Amino acid sequence: MGRMEGRIALVTGGASGIGKATAELLAREGAAVAVTDVDDEAGQAVADAINESGGEARYWHLDVSNEEEVRTVVEEAAGDFGGLHVLVNNAGIVGADKPPHDISADEWNQVMAVNVNGVFFCTKHAIPHLRKAGSGSIVNLSSIYGLVGAADAPPYHASKGAVRLMTKTDALHYAGDGIRVNSVHPGFISTPMVRGFLEGQDDPEGARKALIGLHPLGRLGEPGEIAAAILFLASNESSFMTGSELVVDGGYTAR
């Protein structure tokens, strides 16, 4: 029996990178998975591959910055699968990479809308279903930049700090309902987001080597390594953990 047998999970940003790896791993461990994203072609492909391999999944288009869309998708997913036990708030964007004095209000708000409001909306609308199930697990994707700072991408860093503290606040609010809320803090992971960030630099290869050099283990992480951490927090193996920060960063923050 898989570690997620009989559970129903909703994963945001599930079309690629960490979200894709998470949806696939949760399904392999027995969960029925609602895969959500704004990239419909890639998201549907993830759900199709899970079903073809013997798992159970369905894809929904979801812009997490749109509360009405979040409400509708969470209701539909819980209705189709018969409930909800796990929410993985993974969807996120990097946004503007320039000094704070050069960032426009629109650039700032774009990142907050996805990275912060999206976590809030999904959590808000998942809670009634998790309560109905009698317990549940919410896993929020923060970042090493929810723990430490760096002189780049200020809106992203601020948003991930917000996710870290939202996690702790929500953990306290819902502990009495048997709902655990924890955050995962990846270092630099080999995902489309990170590759896009590197490609935007003047010297992408030099930037990649510099990033690797920030991790004592001497490499970037892989999406599956973060998915494994998410699986742990989603499963009963972490039943005495809530409000915790699980750092998976190749030693980045140990310095």
Foldseek 3Di string as FASTA:
>chain_A
DFLLAPAEEEFEPLLWFLNVLLQLVNQVRHYAYEYEYQPVVSSQVSQVVSVVVPGHYDYDYDQLLDLVRLLVSLVVSCVVVVFHAEYELDDFALFFKDDPVPDDPVRLVVRCSRLPSSVVSNCVNRVVRNLVVQAHEYEYEAAVLLVDPDNISVSNSVSSVNSLVVQLVVQVVCVVSNYAGEYEHEAAEPIPRNLVVLVPDPHSVVVLQVSLVLAVQRHHHYSNVVSVVVSCRGGCVPSVDHSYYHYHYNCNVVD
